[in-house]
Each structure stands twice: as structure tokens, then as C-alpha cells.
Amino acid sequence: MSEPARVLHARLHLLDRQVVRESDDRLLCKVDDLEVQPGDRPYVTAILSGPLALGPRLGGLPGWLMTETDRLFRGEERPGPYRIEMSVVTEIGSAVRVAGRRQDLALERWLTRNVVSRIPGAAGTEEQDAPESTLRVRERWEDRPDSMRLGGLLGRTVRGPSGEVAGDTVDVRLVQDGPLLAEVQQAFRLAGLLIARRRAGQLFGYERGPGLWRPSLLGALVRRMHGEIRYAEWDQIESLDDEEVRLGVAWDRLRSTADL
């Protein structure tokens, strides 16, 4: 009998986590966003990192300033965020661990060359030849036209079938039963959206799961801040656009987060 597929929630378990190299636990970057291959069964293809990943996710003036400042100092014609293939992720826990060796990490080389080496007294690093099968974190000149970012799904207004406002998206549920990545492991598929009646910051997991065990005071605060929270399966979503999600079913037909 096969084991059930692993389930994660993108904002709770992945976004803003540190990414470390498996061989020596050295910090490489943070998960600033996730690249998604769209379609009927969309799935996560890569970790995105750097100001050009975090800025658009933050939005508003802070996000714009972060993005434009990075573009100015990068000095490239069409810079993009740094990208790590999900196929090299070996563990997702308190940190995201990836396979690879230091001399293969383009992001680390760029930081050493452009930041660390300019600090008085800082020692440089020597680049060595490395096997072809190791990790490569590369700069992207532009976003792939056939991909989207998971962060763009958070904070969207959700409307019911008749156009009434139902709430806002607060997290994305991921199930590891997607296509095989680089013949190594299955991808995390976007299974559905968590929707809160009121947008009031980040959830911390106390509102979901069987039994809903949590400190009573914290549970009351979650309910007061976010209101009722429901889960929409991906096939219950009628459409997505740049700013809104349209449901194909009424609010009362969505699952409770207690079932997740």
C-alpha cells in the first residue's frame, strides 16, 4: 500500500524559509516566491529568491522600491530573480535543504564577487571545476512567459458565483502528487486555496487540521482577525485573473479548514 502524498501549505511551510546547502548547512538564500507551471493541474517548478522575487510579492511602494533598486544596481538589461529547481530540494522542514556544492552556486558567486569582495579585509573564494550533476542557481534574464508566481495568488479578492465578495486568499495548499521532476521526485501540485472572510495578516496553522487543537486565546484571536476560513479545491475555482478569484460554487459548499 502506497503512502499518502505529502501535503504542505505554501505560506505556512515554504515562503520566507531559509535555503541551506545540504553538504555543510551553509545559508544560501530565502524562499521569496515559488515558480508555478500553470494548467489544469498547476505545480511548483522552482524556488525564486532575491529582491526581484520578493518585491513583486510585497507589492505597493516598498515592493516597487526593492525591485527598482535591485534592477538599477544589477546593471543587466533584463535581470530576473534567482532560481533553484525544485528537483534539487532534498528536505523541507524548518529550513529548505538543497543538494549541490559551493562552487556551483551562481548566486553565492555573485554575492562574493559584488558584495563580499568589496568589504575591506574580506577574503575571496576560488572557483573550481565541478561535476555537471550538481546544483546550479542561475540568474534569469526575464520571467518565463509560460510560468506564474505563487505569491501572486495570495491576498486576492475572492468572489462567489454571483459576483459577491467571499473573502481573500490567505494560503495555497500543495500536494506532492504532480509530475516527476528530473526523474527524481514528484512536484508539489496546487490543490486549492485557503480563503478568509477578512484579510488580517498571516495565518500560523492554528485554524486548520483535525481537532483544531490550539490555545484558546490564540484561537479566539485568529477567529476575530480573519473571520471564517474555508478551503476551495482547485476544481471549485472557476477563473483567475490578475487581482481576483472567481469561485464556481457557493461559500457554504467549501470545506472547513478543520478537514485539512
C-alpha atoms as a PDB file:
ATOM      1  CA  MET A   1       0.000   0.000   0.000  1.00  0.00           C
ATOM      2  CA  SER A   2       1.482   3.341  -1.073  1.00  0.00           C
ATOM      3  CA  GLU A   3       1.944   6.173   1.396  1.00  0.00           C
ATOM      4  CA  PRO A   4      -0.290   9.248   1.060  1.00  0.00           C
ATOM      5  CA  ALA A   5       1.224  12.206  -0.787  1.00  0.00           C
ATOM      6  CA  ARG A   6       2.855  14.875   1.372  1.00  0.00           C
ATOM      7  CA  VAL A   7       0.759  17.997   1.981  1.00  0.00           C
ATOM      8  CA  LEU A   8       2.149  21.481   2.634  1.00  0.00           C
ATOM      9  CA  HIS A   9       0.754  24.990   2.756  1.00  0.00           C
ATOM     10  CA  ALA A  10       2.902  27.379   0.751  1.00  0.00           C
ATOM     11  CA  ARG A  11       2.787  30.400   3.038  1.00  0.00           C
ATOM     12  CA  LEU A  12       2.979  28.385   6.251  1.00  0.00           C
ATOM     13  CA  HIS A  13       5.660  25.862   5.284  1.00  0.00           C
ATOM     14  CA  LEU A  14       7.698  27.319   2.394  1.00  0.00           C
ATOM     15  CA  LEU A  15       7.628  31.076   1.821  1.00  0.00           C
ATOM     16  CA  ASP A  16      10.302  33.031   3.743  1.00  0.00           C
ATOM     17  CA  ARG A  17      12.091  29.848   4.855  1.00  0.00           C
ATOM     18  CA  GLN A  18      15.882  29.795   4.672  1.00  0.00           C
ATOM     19  CA  VAL A  19      17.501  27.718   1.939  1.00  0.00           C
ATOM     20  CA  VAL A  20      20.655  25.879   3.049  1.00  0.00           C
ATOM     21  CA  ARG A  21      23.137  23.652   1.258  1.00  0.00           C
ATOM     22  CA  GLU A  22      22.808  20.025   2.330  1.00  0.00           C
ATOM     23  CA  SER A  23      26.531  19.281   2.386  1.00  0.00           C
ATOM     24  CA  ASP A  24      27.515  21.863   5.029  1.00  0.00           C
ATOM     25  CA  ASP A  25      24.306  23.655   6.172  1.00  0.00           C
ATOM     26  CA  ARG A  26      25.524  26.923   4.699  1.00  0.00           C
ATOM     27  CA  LEU A  27      22.813  29.548   4.193  1.00  0.00           C
ATOM     28  CA  LEU A  28      22.252  30.297   0.508  1.00  0.00           C
ATOM     29  CA  CYS A  29      19.139  32.464   0.303  1.00  0.00           C
ATOM     30  CA  LYS A  30      15.459  32.582   1.289  1.00  0.00           C
ATOM     31  CA  VAL A  31      12.323  31.332  -0.404  1.00  0.00           C
ATOM     32  CA  ASP A  32      10.988  34.673  -1.605  1.00  0.00           C
ATOM     33  CA  ASP A  33       8.464  33.168  -4.036  1.00  0.00           C
ATOM     34  CA  LEU A  34       7.697  29.989  -5.951  1.00  0.00           C
ATOM     35  CA  GLU A  35       7.536  29.496  -9.707  1.00  0.00           C
ATOM     36  CA  VAL A  36       4.451  27.628 -10.910  1.00  0.00           C
ATOM     37  CA  GLN A  37       3.752  25.847 -14.169  1.00  0.00           C
ATOM     38  CA  PRO A  38       0.103  26.729 -14.933  1.00  0.00           C
ATOM     39  CA  GLY A  39      -2.526  24.444 -16.395  1.00  0.00           C
ATOM     40  CA  ASP A  40      -5.407  22.233 -15.268  1.00  0.00           C
ATOM     41  CA  ARG A  41      -3.085  20.765 -12.611  1.00  0.00           C
ATOM     42  CA  PRO A  42      -0.568  23.552 -11.864  1.00  0.00           C
ATOM     43  CA  TYR A  43       2.570  22.590  -9.950  1.00  0.00           C
ATOM     44  CA  VAL A  44       5.640  24.203  -8.382  1.00  0.00           C
ATOM     45  CA  THR A  45       8.767  24.077 -10.555  1.00  0.00           C
ATOM     46  CA  ALA A  46      11.298  26.273  -8.734  1.00  0.00           C
ATOM     47  CA  ILE A  47      12.214  28.430  -5.750  1.00  0.00           C
ATOM     48  CA  LEU A  48      12.661  32.114  -6.584  1.00  0.00           C
ATOM     49  CA  SER A  49      14.913  34.315  -4.477  1.00  0.00           C
ATOM     50  CA  GLY A  50      16.212  37.857  -4.305  1.00  0.00           C
ATOM     51  CA  PRO A  51      14.658  41.335  -4.467  1.00  0.00           C
ATOM     52  CA  LEU A  52      13.149  40.659  -7.895  1.00  0.00           C
ATOM     53  CA  ALA A  53      11.218  37.764  -6.363  1.00  0.00           C
ATOM     54  CA  LEU A  54      10.280  39.356  -3.039  1.00  0.00           C
ATOM     55  CA  GLY A  55       9.475  42.851  -4.345  1.00  0.00           C
ATOM     56  CA  PRO A  56       6.509  41.885  -6.566  1.00  0.00           C
ATOM     57  CA  ARG A  57       5.188  39.652  -3.782  1.00  0.00           C
ATOM     58  CA  LEU A  58       5.270  42.503  -1.240  1.00  0.00           C
ATOM     59  CA  GLY A  59       3.650  44.924  -3.667  1.00  0.00           C
ATOM     60  CA  GLY A  60       2.966  48.594  -3.071  1.00  0.00           C
ATOM     61  CA  LEU A  61       5.666  51.227  -2.718  1.00  0.00           C
ATOM     62  CA  PRO A  62       8.060  49.035  -0.643  1.00  0.00           C
ATOM     63  CA  GLY A  63       7.940  46.286  -3.253  1.00  0.00           C
ATOM     64  CA  TRP A  64       8.423  48.732  -6.124  1.00  0.00           C
ATOM     65  CA  LEU A  65      11.404  50.380  -4.430  1.00  0.00           C
ATOM     66  CA  MET A  66      13.010  46.995  -3.720  1.00  0.00           C
ATOM     67  CA  THR A  67      12.566  45.857  -7.308  1.00  0.00           C
ATOM     68  CA  GLU A  68      13.750  49.053  -8.988  1.00  0.00           C
ATOM     69  CA  THR A  69      16.768  49.435  -6.695  1.00  0.00           C
ATOM     70  CA  ASP A  70      17.909  45.904  -7.460  1.00  0.00           C
ATOM     71  CA  ARG A  71      17.478  46.428 -11.197  1.00  0.00           C
ATOM     72  CA  LEU A  72      19.488  49.649 -11.007  1.00  0.00           C
ATOM     73  CA  PHE A  73      22.450  48.083  -9.220  1.00  0.00           C
ATOM     74  CA  ARG A  74      22.386  44.766 -11.085  1.00  0.00           C
ATOM     75  CA  GLY A  75      23.279  46.600 -14.289  1.00  0.00           C
ATOM     76  CA  GLU A  76      21.765  43.960 -16.563  1.00  0.00           C
ATOM     77  CA  GLU A  77      19.420  44.622 -19.426  1.00  0.00           C
ATOM     78  CA  ARG A  78      16.595  42.383 -18.189  1.00  0.00           C
ATOM     79  CA  PRO A  79      17.503  40.918 -14.797  1.00  0.00           C
ATOM     80  CA  GLY A  80      15.307  38.374 -13.085  1.00  0.00           C
ATOM     81  CA  PRO A  81      15.128  36.593  -9.733  1.00  0.00           C
ATOM     82  CA  TYR A  82      17.494  33.809  -8.823  1.00  0.00           C
ATOM     83  CA  ARG A  83      16.028  30.365  -9.397  1.00  0.00           C
ATOM     84  CA  ILE A  84      16.562  26.943  -7.811  1.00  0.00           C
ATOM     85  CA  GLU A  85      14.931  23.913  -9.407  1.00  0.00           C
ATOM     86  CA  MET A  86      12.601  22.014  -7.063  1.00  0.00           C
ATOM     87  CA  SER A  87      14.179  18.776  -8.253  1.00  0.00           C
ATOM     88  CA  VAL A  88      17.301  19.534  -6.142  1.00  0.00           C
ATOM     89  CA  VAL A  89      15.322  20.124  -2.919  1.00  0.00           C
ATOM     90  CA  THR A  90      16.118  17.265  -0.549  1.00  0.00           C
ATOM     91  CA  GLU A  91      14.201  18.301   2.580  1.00  0.00           C
ATOM     92  CA  ILE A  92      11.530  20.806   3.608  1.00  0.00           C
ATOM     93  CA  GLY A  93      11.392  21.474   7.338  1.00  0.00           C
ATOM     94  CA  SER A  94      12.436  24.409   9.485  1.00  0.00           C
ATOM     95  CA  ALA A  95      14.703  25.199   6.508  1.00  0.00           C
ATOM     96  CA  VAL A  96      14.710  24.079   2.878  1.00  0.00           C
ATOM     97  CA  ARG A  97      17.741  21.918   2.132  1.00  0.00           C
ATOM     98  CA  VAL A  98      19.157  21.604  -1.377  1.00  0.00           C
ATOM     99  CA  ALA A  99      21.817  19.399  -2.940  1.00  0.00           C
ATOM    100  CA  GLY A 100      24.899  20.893  -4.538  1.00  0.00           C
ATOM    101  CA  ARG A 101      28.355  22.261  -3.890  1.00  0.00           C
ATOM    102  CA  ARG A 102      29.523  25.805  -3.187  1.00  0.00           C
ATOM    103  CA  GLN A 103      31.487  26.292  -6.400  1.00  0.00           C
ATOM    104  CA  ASP A 104      28.350  25.593  -8.438  1.00  0.00           C
ATOM    105  CA  LEU A 105      26.158  28.260  -6.855  1.00  0.00           C
ATOM    106  CA  ALA A 106      25.874  31.252  -9.165  1.00  0.00           C
ATOM    107  CA  LEU A 107      24.040  33.264  -6.509  1.00  0.00           C
ATOM    108  CA  GLU A 108      26.822  32.735  -3.995  1.00  0.00           C
ATOM    109  CA  ARG A 109      29.478  33.586  -6.576  1.00  0.00           C
ATOM    110  CA  TRP A 110      27.634  36.792  -7.459  1.00  0.00           C
ATOM    111  CA  LEU A 111      27.423  37.832  -3.792  1.00  0.00           C
ATOM    112  CA  THR A 112      31.110  37.059  -3.263  1.00  0.00           C
ATOM    113  CA  ARG A 113      32.180  38.979  -6.351  1.00  0.00           C
ATOM    114  CA  ASN A 114      29.902  42.006  -5.981  1.00  0.00           C
ATOM    115  CA  VAL A 115      29.379  42.375  -2.223  1.00  0.00           C
ATOM    116  CA  VAL A 116      31.832  40.433  -0.057  1.00  0.00           C
ATOM    117  CA  SER A 117      34.915  41.182  -2.167  1.00  0.00           C
ATOM    118  CA  ARG A 118      34.303  44.932  -1.775  1.00  0.00           C
ATOM    119  CA  ILE A 119      34.463  44.782   2.007  1.00  0.00           C
ATOM    120  CA  PRO A 120      37.952  45.814   3.214  1.00  0.00           C
ATOM    121  CA  GLY A 121      39.827  42.777   4.524  1.00  0.00           C
ATOM    122  CA  ALA A 122      37.344  40.241   3.156  1.00  0.00           C
ATOM    123  CA  ALA A 123      38.850  37.126   1.631  1.00  0.00           C
ATOM    124  CA  GLY A 124      37.793  35.991  -1.823  1.00  0.00           C
ATOM    125  CA  THR A 125      36.842  32.487  -2.852  1.00  0.00           C
ATOM    126  CA  GLU A 126      38.367  30.378  -5.564  1.00  0.00           C
ATOM    127  CA  GLU A 127      36.134  28.796  -8.155  1.00  0.00           C
ATOM    128  CA  GLN A 128      36.879  25.192  -9.059  1.00  0.00           C
ATOM    129  CA  ASP A 129      35.628  22.783 -11.643  1.00  0.00           C
ATOM    130  CA  ALA A 130      32.557  20.840 -10.525  1.00  0.00           C
ATOM    131  CA  PRO A 131      30.547  17.854 -11.688  1.00  0.00           C
ATOM    132  CA  GLU A 132      27.769  18.529 -14.182  1.00  0.00           C
ATOM    133  CA  SER A 133      25.138  16.916 -11.955  1.00  0.00           C
ATOM    134  CA  THR A 134      25.373  19.475  -9.115  1.00  0.00           C
ATOM    135  CA  LEU A 135      23.080  22.348  -8.247  1.00  0.00           C
ATOM    136  CA  ARG A 136      23.042  25.486 -10.329  1.00  0.00           C
ATOM    137  CA  VAL A 137      21.346  28.639  -9.120  1.00  0.00           C
ATOM    138  CA  ARG A 138      21.154  30.923 -12.113  1.00  0.00           C
ATOM    139  CA  GLU A 139      20.058  34.438 -12.891  1.00  0.00           C
ATOM    140  CA  ARG A 140      17.127  34.771 -15.264  1.00  0.00           C
ATOM    141  CA  TRP A 141      17.006  37.500 -17.852  1.00  0.00           C
ATOM    142  CA  GLU A 142      13.231  37.538 -17.746  1.00  0.00           C
ATOM    143  CA  ASP A 143      10.327  35.538 -16.388  1.00  0.00           C
ATOM    144  CA  ARG A 144       9.302  32.552 -18.435  1.00  0.00           C
ATOM    145  CA  PRO A 145       6.212  33.518 -20.439  1.00  0.00           C
ATOM    146  CA  ASP A 146       4.584  30.165 -19.653  1.00  0.00           C
ATOM    147  CA  SER A 147       5.010  30.379 -15.862  1.00  0.00           C
ATOM    148  CA  MET A 148       3.442  32.288 -12.978  1.00  0.00           C
ATOM    149  CA  ARG A 149       4.354  33.084  -9.388  1.00  0.00           C
ATOM    150  CA  LEU A 150       2.572  31.535  -6.445  1.00  0.00           C
ATOM    151  CA  GLY A 151       2.886  34.733  -4.397  1.00  0.00           C
ATOM    152  CA  GLY A 152       0.546  36.417  -6.840  1.00  0.00           C
ATOM    153  CA  LEU A 153      -2.268  34.141  -5.664  1.00  0.00           C
ATOM    154  CA  LEU A 154      -2.078  35.439  -2.074  1.00  0.00           C
ATOM    155  CA  GLY A 155      -4.161  38.391  -0.985  1.00  0.00           C
ATOM    156  CA  ARG A 156      -6.500  38.250  -3.975  1.00  0.00           C
ATOM    157  CA  THR A 157     -10.145  39.120  -3.596  1.00  0.00           C
ATOM    158  CA  VAL A 158     -12.392  36.060  -3.920  1.00  0.00           C
ATOM    159  CA  ARG A 159     -15.886  36.339  -5.385  1.00  0.00           C
ATOM    160  CA  GLY A 160     -18.720  33.834  -5.382  1.00  0.00           C
ATOM    161  CA  PRO A 161     -20.626  32.627  -8.458  1.00  0.00           C
ATOM    162  CA  SER A 162     -22.903  35.677  -8.384  1.00  0.00           C
ATOM    163  CA  GLY A 163     -20.057  38.163  -8.018  1.00  0.00           C
ATOM    164  CA  GLU A 164     -20.432  38.733  -4.281  1.00  0.00           C
ATOM    165  CA  VAL A 165     -17.215  39.171  -2.291  1.00  0.00           C
ATOM    166  CA  ALA A 166     -16.470  35.983  -0.339  1.00  0.00           C
ATOM    167  CA  GLY A 167     -13.111  36.913   1.202  1.00  0.00           C
ATOM    168  CA  ASP A 168      -9.394  36.931   0.392  1.00  0.00           C
ATOM    169  CA  THR A 169      -6.873  34.202  -0.356  1.00  0.00           C
ATOM    170  CA  VAL A 170      -4.533  33.595   2.596  1.00  0.00           C
ATOM    171  CA  ASP A 171      -2.662  30.412   1.635  1.00  0.00           C
ATOM    172  CA  VAL A 172      -2.226  27.778  -1.079  1.00  0.00           C
ATOM    173  CA  ARG A 173      -2.448  24.054  -0.327  1.00  0.00           C
ATOM    174  CA  LEU A 174       0.201  21.917  -2.045  1.00  0.00           C
ATOM    175  CA  VAL A 175       0.088  18.140  -2.549  1.00  0.00           C
ATOM    176  CA  GLN A 176       3.160  16.238  -3.736  1.00  0.00           C
ATOM    177  CA  ASP A 177       1.483  14.187  -6.440  1.00  0.00           C
ATOM    178  CA  GLY A 178       2.393  16.247  -9.505  1.00  0.00           C
ATOM    179  CA  PRO A 179       4.638  15.347 -12.463  1.00  0.00           C
ATOM    180  CA  LEU A 180       8.041  13.774 -11.909  1.00  0.00           C
ATOM    181  CA  LEU A 181      10.793  16.417 -11.787  1.00  0.00           C
ATOM    182  CA  ALA A 182      14.120  15.460 -13.409  1.00  0.00           C
ATOM    183  CA  GLU A 183      13.251  11.794 -12.715  1.00  0.00           C
ATOM    184  CA  VAL A 184      13.965  12.485  -9.031  1.00  0.00           C
ATOM    185  CA  GLN A 185      10.762  13.358  -7.159  1.00  0.00           C
ATOM    186  CA  GLN A 186       7.178  14.368  -7.783  1.00  0.00           C
ATOM    187  CA  ALA A 187       6.249  18.024  -7.940  1.00  0.00           C
ATOM    188  CA  PHE A 188       4.020  19.816  -5.438  1.00  0.00           C
ATOM    189  CA  ARG A 189       0.675  20.390  -7.142  1.00  0.00           C
ATOM    190  CA  LEU A 190      -1.524  23.384  -6.292  1.00  0.00           C
ATOM    191  CA  ALA A 191      -4.526  21.592  -4.792  1.00  0.00           C
ATOM    192  CA  GLY A 192      -6.605  24.546  -3.602  1.00  0.00           C
ATOM    193  CA  LEU A 193      -6.833  27.905  -1.835  1.00  0.00           C
ATOM    194  CA  LEU A 194      -7.497  28.861   1.789  1.00  0.00           C
ATOM    195  CA  ILE A 195      -9.929  31.773   1.893  1.00  0.00           C
ATOM    196  CA  ALA A 196     -10.598  34.035   4.883  1.00  0.00           C
ATOM    197  CA  ARG A 197     -13.581  36.320   5.274  1.00  0.00           C
ATOM    198  CA  ARG A 198     -11.250  39.129   6.364  1.00  0.00           C
ATOM    199  CA  ARG A 199      -7.660  39.778   5.337  1.00  0.00           C
ATOM    200  CA  ALA A 200      -5.631  40.380   8.503  1.00  0.00           C
ATOM    201  CA  GLY A 201      -2.060  39.226   8.054  1.00  0.00           C
ATOM    202  CA  GLN A 202      -0.572  35.765   8.022  1.00  0.00           C
ATOM    203  CA  LEU A 203      -2.079  32.556   9.406  1.00  0.00           C
ATOM    204  CA  PHE A 204       0.051  30.309  11.613  1.00  0.00           C
ATOM    205  CA  GLY A 205      -1.662  26.941  11.190  1.00  0.00           C
ATOM    206  CA  TYR A 206      -3.911  27.066  14.275  1.00  0.00           C
ATOM    207  CA  GLU A 207      -7.002  27.346  12.103  1.00  0.00           C
ATOM    208  CA  ARG A 208      -6.517  24.083  10.168  1.00  0.00           C
ATOM    209  CA  GLY A 209      -6.237  20.369  10.848  1.00  0.00           C
ATOM    210  CA  PRO A 210      -8.346  17.708  12.579  1.00  0.00           C
ATOM    211  CA  GLY A 211      -9.344  18.580  16.116  1.00  0.00           C
ATOM    212  CA  LEU A 212      -8.248  22.201  15.750  1.00  0.00           C
ATOM    213  CA  TRP A 213      -6.171  21.999  18.946  1.00  0.00           C
ATOM    214  CA  ARG A 214      -4.761  25.393  19.896  1.00  0.00           C
ATOM    215  CA  PRO A 215      -4.510  27.680  22.900  1.00  0.00           C
ATOM    216  CA  SER A 216      -7.997  29.064  23.449  1.00  0.00           C
ATOM    217  CA  LEU A 217      -6.879  32.697  23.500  1.00  0.00           C
ATOM    218  CA  LEU A 218      -4.921  32.307  20.263  1.00  0.00           C
ATOM    219  CA  GLY A 219      -7.840  30.551  18.622  1.00  0.00           C
ATOM    220  CA  ALA A 220     -10.154  33.412  19.581  1.00  0.00           C
ATOM    221  CA  LEU A 221      -7.687  35.929  18.132  1.00  0.00           C
ATOM    222  CA  VAL A 222      -7.466  34.012  14.842  1.00  0.00           C
ATOM    223  CA  ARG A 223     -11.268  33.945  14.521  1.00  0.00           C
ATOM    224  CA  ARG A 224     -11.578  37.629  15.372  1.00  0.00           C
ATOM    225  CA  MET A 225      -8.855  38.705  12.932  1.00  0.00           C
ATOM    226  CA  HIS A 226      -9.701  36.514   9.952  1.00  0.00           C
ATOM    227  CA  GLY A 227     -13.330  35.548  10.427  1.00  0.00           C
ATOM    228  CA  GLU A 228     -14.471  32.234   8.997  1.00  0.00           C
ATOM    229  CA  ILE A 229     -11.875  30.390   6.894  1.00  0.00           C
ATOM    230  CA  ARG A 230     -12.795  27.881   4.194  1.00  0.00           C
ATOM    231  CA  TYR A 231     -10.907  25.760   1.666  1.00  0.00           C
ATOM    232  CA  ALA A 232     -11.632  25.777  -2.095  1.00  0.00           C
ATOM    233  CA  GLU A 233     -10.448  22.780  -4.103  1.00  0.00           C
ATOM    234  CA  TRP A 234      -8.755  23.730  -7.366  1.00  0.00           C
ATOM    235  CA  ASP A 235     -11.652  22.355  -9.430  1.00  0.00           C
ATOM    236  CA  GLN A 236     -14.050  24.598  -7.468  1.00  0.00           C
ATOM    237  CA  ILE A 237     -12.269  27.686  -8.833  1.00  0.00           C
ATOM    238  CA  GLU A 238     -13.964  28.978 -11.957  1.00  0.00           C
ATOM    239  CA  SER A 239     -11.371  31.549 -13.017  1.00  0.00           C
ATOM    240  CA  LEU A 240      -8.285  33.523 -12.006  1.00  0.00           C
ATOM    241  CA  ASP A 241      -7.277  36.949 -13.210  1.00  0.00           C
ATOM    242  CA  ASP A 242      -4.627  39.431 -12.132  1.00  0.00           C
ATOM    243  CA  GLU A 243      -6.460  40.542  -8.987  1.00  0.00           C
ATOM    244  CA  GLU A 244      -9.467  38.311  -8.329  1.00  0.00           C
ATOM    245  CA  VAL A 245     -10.504  34.692  -7.913  1.00  0.00           C
ATOM    246  CA  ARG A 246     -13.978  33.622  -9.036  1.00  0.00           C
ATOM    247  CA  LEU A 247     -15.482  30.555  -7.354  1.00  0.00           C
ATOM    248  CA  GLY A 248     -17.691  28.106  -9.203  1.00  0.00           C
ATOM    249  CA  VAL A 249     -19.575  27.106  -6.029  1.00  0.00           C
ATOM    250  CA  ALA A 250     -21.223  28.942  -3.144  1.00  0.00           C
ATOM    251  CA  TRP A 251     -19.303  29.705   0.058  1.00  0.00           C
ATOM    252  CA  ASP A 252     -21.265  27.220   2.166  1.00  0.00           C
ATOM    253  CA  ARG A 253     -20.192  24.383  -0.156  1.00  0.00           C
ATOM    254  CA  LEU A 254     -16.489  24.928   0.588  1.00  0.00           C
ATOM    255  CA  ARG A 255     -14.762  22.641   3.088  1.00  0.00           C
ATOM    256  CA  SER A 256     -13.931  23.722   6.603  1.00  0.00           C
ATOM    257  CA  THR A 257     -10.245  24.063   7.444  1.00  0.00           C
ATOM    258  CA  ALA A 258     -10.862  21.500  10.215  1.00  0.00           C
ATOM    259  CA  ASP A 259     -10.868  18.862   7.458  1.00  0.00           C
ATOM    260  CA  LEU A 260      -7.379  19.714   6.193  1.00  0.00           C
END
